[in-house]
């Protein structure tokens, strides 16, 4: 018996260190432990090497789209609109998104450092605070994520989706947007074009008589729906794009002596959805980000976004 115990003791001394060196069995964490870490949306920005976490992407959008001098509630409203726009446009991160105004502008961290210089830390903290305060918040209409269109400056009233694109969208209606004239640096702009440049831009051959008979047909938001004169008719949106105008709220005058076309515009951008300077004007009046958003996107709700279980499996 004593010999058997001695053999057992020797074997134990040999095998214990060996067993301790073995890789322990990995126990798969529960879904609740990994959901936050593994199920995050990544946004692929055109031209960037690596996908970005959604909230980091939103920081870059605000930096590109809205002045950091704006009130925190305006910045928060922009964060929710930008997040909603990105998720809908990319199908919850499954498709890439452009980094310019063809979608929504985006600035990398390096670009923000260069742009802000010595104010980088302060501006970055302010923007990130707005993003963190609204993390995961999106805008929905009848349980569906909306197309959260936004633009710089209105003429005191936003445009309808119907007037802009010909498509009726229930939550993109015309609403009042007061106070922008007092805070927008270029609320009104003026453009001067020699008659030859005017004709080249429009692909026309206008004469003095056509300016005399020109009629600008305006819609309910005060913007030009179409321009009509002898042998000419064009939509206000197309005219704006061809001439590079700030908005479709414009007036045209012609200097007969110098043959110069004078175009005066009010506001900046397509006019549909949330006006950024309008959001700032409302924020200065004490409006919250949620109140601002629900004003510009009629009949909507602010909710928390979450990927479905199947979408979680597709995340990086």
Protein backbone atom coordinates (compact mmCIF):
# COMPACT_ATOMS: atom_id res chain seq x y z
CA UNK A 1 0.00 0.00 0.00
CA UNK A 2 2.78 2.40 0.90
CA UNK A 3 4.41 1.71 -2.47
CA UNK A 4 1.15 2.41 -4.34
CA UNK A 5 0.71 5.73 -2.51
CA UNK A 6 4.26 6.70 -3.37
CA UNK A 7 3.69 5.94 -7.09
CA UNK A 8 0.42 7.92 -7.08
CA UNK A 9 2.14 10.89 -5.43
CA UNK A 10 4.93 10.87 -8.05
CA UNK A 11 2.40 10.74 -10.91
CA UNK A 12 0.43 13.59 -9.35
CA UNK A 13 3.52 15.76 -9.16
CA UNK A 14 4.18 15.09 -12.82
CA UNK A 15 0.71 15.71 -14.25
CA UNK A 16 -0.49 18.74 -12.23
CA UNK A 17 1.94 21.25 -13.82
CA UNK A 18 1.05 19.82 -17.22
CA UNK A 19 -2.69 20.23 -16.62
CA UNK A 20 -2.23 23.75 -15.38
CA UNK A 21 -0.52 24.68 -18.63
CA UNK A 22 -3.49 23.54 -20.78
CA UNK A 23 -5.72 26.19 -22.40
CA UNK A 24 -8.92 26.46 -20.40
CA UNK A 25 -12.21 25.83 -22.18
CA UNK A 26 -13.74 29.06 -23.53
CA UNK A 27 -17.25 29.57 -22.32
CA UNK A 28 -19.35 31.57 -24.78
CA UNK A 29 -20.69 34.68 -23.06
CA UNK A 30 -24.42 35.16 -22.95
CA UNK A 31 -26.14 37.37 -25.55
CA UNK A 32 -26.75 40.04 -22.94
CA UNK A 33 -23.01 40.28 -22.24
CA UNK A 34 -22.01 40.68 -25.90
CA UNK A 35 -24.93 42.54 -27.44
CA UNK A 36 -23.53 46.01 -26.80
CA UNK A 37 -20.00 45.10 -27.86
CA UNK A 38 -20.78 42.95 -30.92
CA UNK A 39 -23.90 44.60 -32.28
CA UNK A 40 -22.83 48.10 -33.25
CA UNK A 41 -23.48 49.81 -36.54
CA UNK A 42 -20.45 50.71 -38.63
CA UNK A 43 -20.69 53.31 -41.39
CA UNK A 44 -18.54 52.99 -44.50
CA UNK A 45 -17.70 56.44 -45.86
CA UNK A 46 -16.68 56.63 -49.51
CA UNK A 47 -12.95 57.27 -49.74
CA UNK A 48 -12.16 56.13 -46.20
CA UNK A 49 -10.13 52.96 -45.56
CA UNK A 50 -12.00 51.64 -42.53
CA UNK A 51 -15.65 51.65 -41.44
CA UNK A 52 -16.50 54.00 -38.57
CA UNK A 53 -18.66 53.41 -35.55
CA UNK A 54 -21.98 55.16 -36.15
CA UNK A 55 -21.57 57.73 -33.39
CA UNK A 56 -18.03 58.61 -34.48
CA UNK A 57 -19.38 59.13 -37.99
CA UNK A 58 -22.10 61.47 -36.67
CA UNK A 59 -19.42 63.59 -34.96
CA UNK A 60 -17.75 64.07 -38.34
CA UNK A 61 -21.04 65.00 -39.98
CA UNK A 62 -21.91 67.68 -37.43
CA UNK A 63 -18.39 69.10 -37.75
CA UNK A 64 -18.89 69.42 -41.51
CA UNK A 65 -22.55 70.44 -41.58
CA UNK A 66 -23.15 72.85 -38.69
CA UNK A 67 -21.14 75.66 -37.05
CA UNK A 68 -19.82 74.60 -33.64
CA UNK A 69 -20.83 78.03 -32.33
CA UNK A 70 -24.44 76.89 -32.51
CA UNK A 71 -26.49 76.21 -29.39
CA UNK A 72 -26.16 72.70 -27.96
CA UNK A 73 -29.84 71.94 -28.65
CA UNK A 74 -29.36 72.78 -32.33
CA UNK A 75 -26.29 70.52 -32.43
CA UNK A 76 -28.28 67.74 -30.78
CA UNK A 77 -31.08 68.14 -33.32
CA UNK A 78 -28.48 67.89 -36.10
CA UNK A 79 -27.03 64.76 -34.52
CA UNK A 80 -30.39 62.97 -34.53
CA UNK A 81 -31.16 64.07 -38.09
CA UNK A 82 -27.69 63.04 -39.34
CA UNK A 83 -27.88 59.66 -37.58
CA UNK A 84 -31.32 58.97 -39.05
CA UNK A 85 -30.25 60.04 -42.53
CA UNK A 86 -27.14 57.84 -42.39
CA UNK A 87 -28.94 54.73 -41.17
CA UNK A 88 -31.66 55.01 -43.79
CA UNK A 89 -29.25 55.82 -46.62
CA UNK A 90 -26.86 52.97 -45.78
CA UNK A 91 -29.56 50.44 -44.89
CA UNK A 92 -28.31 50.32 -41.30
CA UNK A 93 -24.66 50.31 -42.29
CA UNK A 94 -24.88 47.76 -45.11
CA UNK A 95 -24.07 50.24 -47.92
CA UNK A 96 -21.45 53.02 -48.21
CA UNK A 97 -22.32 56.70 -48.02
CA UNK A 98 -20.76 59.69 -49.79
CA UNK A 99 -18.79 62.23 -47.76
CA UNK A 100 -20.17 65.30 -49.53
CA UNK A 101 -23.48 67.10 -50.00
CA UNK A 102 -24.72 64.44 -52.41
CA UNK A 103 -25.52 62.67 -49.13
CA UNK A 104 -24.29 64.60 -46.08
CA UNK A 105 -20.88 66.16 -45.62
CA UNK A 106 -18.32 64.45 -43.36
CA UNK A 107 -14.97 65.59 -41.91
CA UNK A 108 -12.35 63.16 -40.63
CA UNK A 109 -10.61 63.77 -37.32
CA UNK A 110 -7.51 64.97 -39.17
CA UNK A 111 -9.61 67.39 -41.21
CA UNK A 112 -11.29 68.66 -38.05
CA UNK A 113 -7.90 69.28 -36.43
CA UNK A 114 -6.75 71.24 -39.46
CA UNK A 115 -9.99 73.20 -39.66
CA UNK A 116 -10.30 74.09 -35.98
CA UNK A 117 -6.63 74.47 -35.11
CA UNK A 118 -6.16 75.56 -31.49
CA UNK A 119 -9.92 75.27 -30.92
CA UNK A 120 -9.96 71.58 -31.82
CA UNK A 121 -10.26 70.21 -28.29
CA UNK A 122 -13.05 72.59 -27.29
CA UNK A 123 -15.04 72.09 -30.50
CA UNK A 124 -14.54 68.32 -30.48
CA UNK A 125 -15.80 68.07 -26.91
CA UNK A 126 -18.85 70.21 -27.68
CA UNK A 127 -19.79 68.18 -30.74
CA UNK A 128 -19.19 64.84 -29.02
CA UNK A 129 -21.32 65.95 -26.08
CA UNK A 130 -24.23 66.59 -28.46
CA UNK A 131 -23.75 63.18 -30.07
CA UNK A 132 -23.46 61.35 -26.75
CA UNK A 133 -26.52 63.11 -25.36
CA UNK A 134 -28.58 61.76 -28.29
CA UNK A 135 -26.81 58.42 -28.81
CA UNK A 136 -29.04 55.97 -30.65
CA UNK A 137 -31.87 58.46 -31.14
CA UNK A 138 -33.59 58.45 -34.54
CA UNK A 139 -36.69 59.99 -36.14
CA UNK A 140 -39.51 57.70 -37.23
CA UNK A 141 -42.86 58.13 -38.94
CA UNK A 142 -45.38 55.32 -38.51
CA UNK A 143 -42.59 53.11 -37.13
CA UNK A 144 -40.37 53.66 -40.20
CA UNK A 145 -37.14 55.63 -40.23
CA UNK A 146 -37.61 58.87 -42.14
CA UNK A 147 -35.57 60.51 -44.86
CA UNK A 148 -34.27 63.24 -42.55
CA UNK A 149 -33.49 65.92 -45.13
CA UNK A 150 -31.96 69.15 -43.85
CA UNK A 151 -30.47 72.32 -45.32
CA UNK A 152 -28.77 75.55 -44.28
CA UNK A 153 -31.18 78.51 -44.35
CA UNK A 154 -34.85 78.99 -45.19
CA UNK A 155 -36.68 82.03 -46.46
CA UNK A 156 -38.82 81.95 -43.34
CA UNK A 157 -40.70 78.86 -44.44
CA UNK A 158 -39.56 75.38 -45.45
CA UNK A 159 -40.37 73.69 -48.74
CA UNK A 160 -42.60 70.65 -49.26
CA UNK A 161 -41.22 67.42 -50.67
CA UNK A 162 -43.99 67.61 -53.28
CA UNK A 163 -42.83 70.99 -54.59
CA UNK A 164 -39.19 69.90 -54.53
CA UNK A 165 -39.36 66.44 -56.07
CA UNK A 166 -42.95 65.88 -57.17
CA UNK A 167 -43.38 63.21 -54.47
CA UNK A 168 -45.75 63.74 -51.56
CA UNK A 169 -44.13 62.81 -48.20
CA UNK A 170 -46.35 63.24 -45.17
CA UNK A 171 -43.63 64.38 -42.75
CA UNK A 172 -41.88 66.77 -45.18
CA UNK A 173 -44.39 69.60 -45.30
CA UNK A 174 -43.91 73.36 -45.32
CA UNK A 175 -43.59 74.87 -41.82
CA UNK A 176 -42.68 78.31 -40.52
CA UNK A 177 -39.03 78.91 -39.70
CA UNK A 178 -38.74 82.41 -38.24
CA UNK A 179 -35.72 84.30 -36.97
CA UNK A 180 -33.15 83.19 -39.53
CA UNK A 181 -32.79 86.57 -41.20
CA UNK A 182 -31.29 87.95 -37.98
CA UNK A 183 -28.62 85.26 -37.54
CA UNK A 184 -27.72 83.82 -40.96
CA UNK A 185 -24.63 85.65 -42.29
CA UNK A 186 -25.74 85.47 -45.94
CA UNK A 187 -29.52 85.36 -45.71
CA UNK A 188 -29.72 87.30 -48.99
CA UNK A 189 -27.22 86.91 -51.81
CA UNK A 190 -26.74 88.63 -55.12
CA UNK A 191 -25.38 87.26 -58.37
CA UNK A 192 -24.47 89.30 -61.48
CA UNK A 193 -24.19 87.59 -64.85
CA UNK A 194 -23.44 89.10 -68.26
CA UNK A 195 -26.20 88.17 -70.68
CA UNK A 196 -23.81 85.89 -72.61
CA UNK A 197 -23.02 83.89 -69.46
CA UNK A 198 -26.71 83.69 -68.58
CA UNK A 199 -27.52 82.22 -71.99
CA UNK A 200 -24.58 79.84 -71.84
CA UNK A 201 -25.62 78.51 -68.43
CA UNK A 202 -29.24 77.97 -69.45
CA UNK A 203 -28.51 76.88 -73.01
CA UNK A 204 -30.72 79.68 -74.34
CA UNK A 205 -30.50 82.79 -76.50
CA UNK A 206 -32.50 85.32 -74.52
CA UNK A 207 -33.03 88.86 -75.72
CA UNK A 208 -34.17 91.98 -73.87
CA UNK A 209 -37.81 91.23 -74.75
CA UNK A 210 -37.73 87.92 -72.90
CA UNK A 211 -36.66 89.62 -69.67
CA UNK A 212 -39.49 92.09 -70.09
CA UNK A 213 -42.10 89.33 -70.29
CA UNK A 214 -40.51 87.03 -67.69
CA UNK A 215 -42.86 85.66 -65.02
CA UNK A 216 -41.70 83.80 -61.90
CA UNK A 217 -44.48 81.49 -60.73
CA UNK A 218 -44.16 80.92 -56.98
CA UNK A 219 -45.53 78.12 -54.84
CA UNK A 220 -46.98 78.20 -51.34
CA UNK A 221 -43.54 78.48 -49.70
CA UNK A 222 -42.61 81.57 -51.73
CA UNK A 223 -40.10 79.73 -53.90
CA UNK A 224 -40.04 79.79 -57.69
CA UNK A 225 -41.86 76.75 -59.03
CA UNK A 226 -41.24 77.73 -62.64
CA UNK A 227 -40.01 80.61 -64.78
CA UNK A 228 -41.97 81.45 -67.92
CA UNK A 229 -41.29 83.85 -70.81
CA UNK A 230 -41.51 83.86 -74.61
CA UNK A 231 -40.52 80.43 -75.95
CA UNK A 232 -39.16 79.43 -72.55
CA UNK A 233 -40.35 77.54 -69.47
CA UNK A 234 -38.16 75.97 -66.79
CA UNK A 235 -38.65 74.66 -63.26
CA UNK A 236 -37.22 76.75 -60.44
CA UNK A 237 -35.15 73.84 -59.14
CA UNK A 238 -33.53 73.20 -62.53
CA UNK A 239 -32.89 76.91 -62.99
CA UNK A 240 -31.23 77.09 -59.60
CA UNK A 241 -28.95 74.16 -60.42
CA UNK A 242 -27.93 75.48 -63.85
CA UNK A 243 -27.19 78.98 -62.56
CA UNK A 244 -25.64 77.83 -59.27
CA UNK A 245 -28.12 79.83 -57.18
CA UNK A 246 -28.28 79.63 -53.39
CA UNK A 247 -31.98 78.75 -53.35
CA UNK A 248 -35.16 78.63 -55.42
CA UNK A 249 -36.47 81.79 -53.76
CA UNK A 250 -35.03 84.22 -56.28
CA UNK A 251 -35.81 87.42 -58.18
CA UNK A 252 -34.41 88.43 -61.55
CA UNK A 253 -33.72 91.94 -62.88
CA UNK A 254 -32.04 92.92 -66.13
CA UNK A 255 -29.85 95.97 -66.72
CA UNK A 256 -30.78 96.99 -70.28
CA UNK A 257 -27.84 99.35 -70.72
CA UNK A 258 -25.07 97.05 -69.50
CA UNK A 259 -26.82 93.78 -70.41
CA UNK A 260 -26.24 92.36 -66.94
CA UNK A 261 -28.63 89.93 -65.24
CA UNK A 262 -29.07 90.56 -61.49
CA UNK A 263 -30.33 87.62 -59.44
CA UNK A 264 -31.20 88.03 -55.75
CA UNK A 265 -31.75 84.90 -53.63
CA UNK A 266 -33.17 84.41 -50.15
CA UNK A 267 -32.01 81.51 -47.96
CA UNK A 268 -29.60 78.71 -48.85
CA UNK A 269 -30.30 75.12 -49.82
CA UNK A 270 -33.15 73.02 -51.16
CA UNK A 271 -35.48 74.07 -48.36
CA UNK A 272 -36.85 70.62 -47.43
CA UNK A 273 -36.86 69.29 -43.87
CA UNK A 274 -34.93 70.93 -41.03
CA UNK A 275 -33.40 74.35 -41.52
CA UNK A 276 -30.10 74.46 -39.63
CA UNK A 277 -30.25 78.20 -38.97
CA UNK A 278 -33.89 77.74 -38.11
CA UNK A 279 -32.90 75.12 -35.54
CA UNK A 280 -30.42 77.60 -34.09
CA UNK A 281 -33.06 80.35 -33.94
CA UNK A 282 -35.46 78.04 -32.11
CA UNK A 283 -32.71 76.82 -29.74
CA UNK A 284 -31.97 80.41 -28.79
CA UNK A 285 -35.63 80.74 -27.85
CA UNK A 286 -35.30 77.81 -25.46
CA UNK A 287 -36.59 74.98 -27.63
CA UNK A 288 -35.19 71.50 -27.00
CA UNK A 289 -33.72 69.38 -29.76
CA UNK A 290 -36.76 67.11 -29.72
CA UNK A 291 -39.17 70.04 -30.06
CA UNK A 292 -37.13 71.40 -32.96
CA UNK A 293 -37.15 68.06 -34.77
CA UNK A 294 -40.86 67.44 -34.27
CA UNK A 295 -41.56 70.91 -35.66
CA UNK A 296 -39.65 70.37 -38.89
CA UNK A 297 -40.63 66.71 -39.43
CA UNK A 298 -44.40 66.70 -39.00
CA UNK A 299 -46.11 63.79 -37.27
CA UNK A 300 -42.88 62.01 -36.37
CA UNK A 301 -41.51 60.51 -33.14
CA UNK A 302 -38.04 60.25 -31.62
CA UNK A 303 -37.13 56.66 -30.75
CA UNK A 304 -34.11 54.53 -29.89
CA UNK A 305 -32.53 52.59 -32.73
CA UNK A 306 -31.60 48.93 -32.44
CA UNK A 307 -30.43 46.41 -35.00
CA UNK A 308 -32.46 43.26 -35.51
CA UNK A 309 -30.91 39.94 -34.45
CA UNK A 310 -30.19 38.99 -38.08
CA UNK A 311 -28.52 42.36 -38.70
CA UNK A 312 -26.36 41.90 -35.61
CA UNK A 313 -24.89 38.78 -37.16
CA UNK A 314 -23.76 40.82 -40.18
CA UNK A 315 -21.92 43.50 -38.20
CA UNK A 316 -18.09 43.56 -38.38
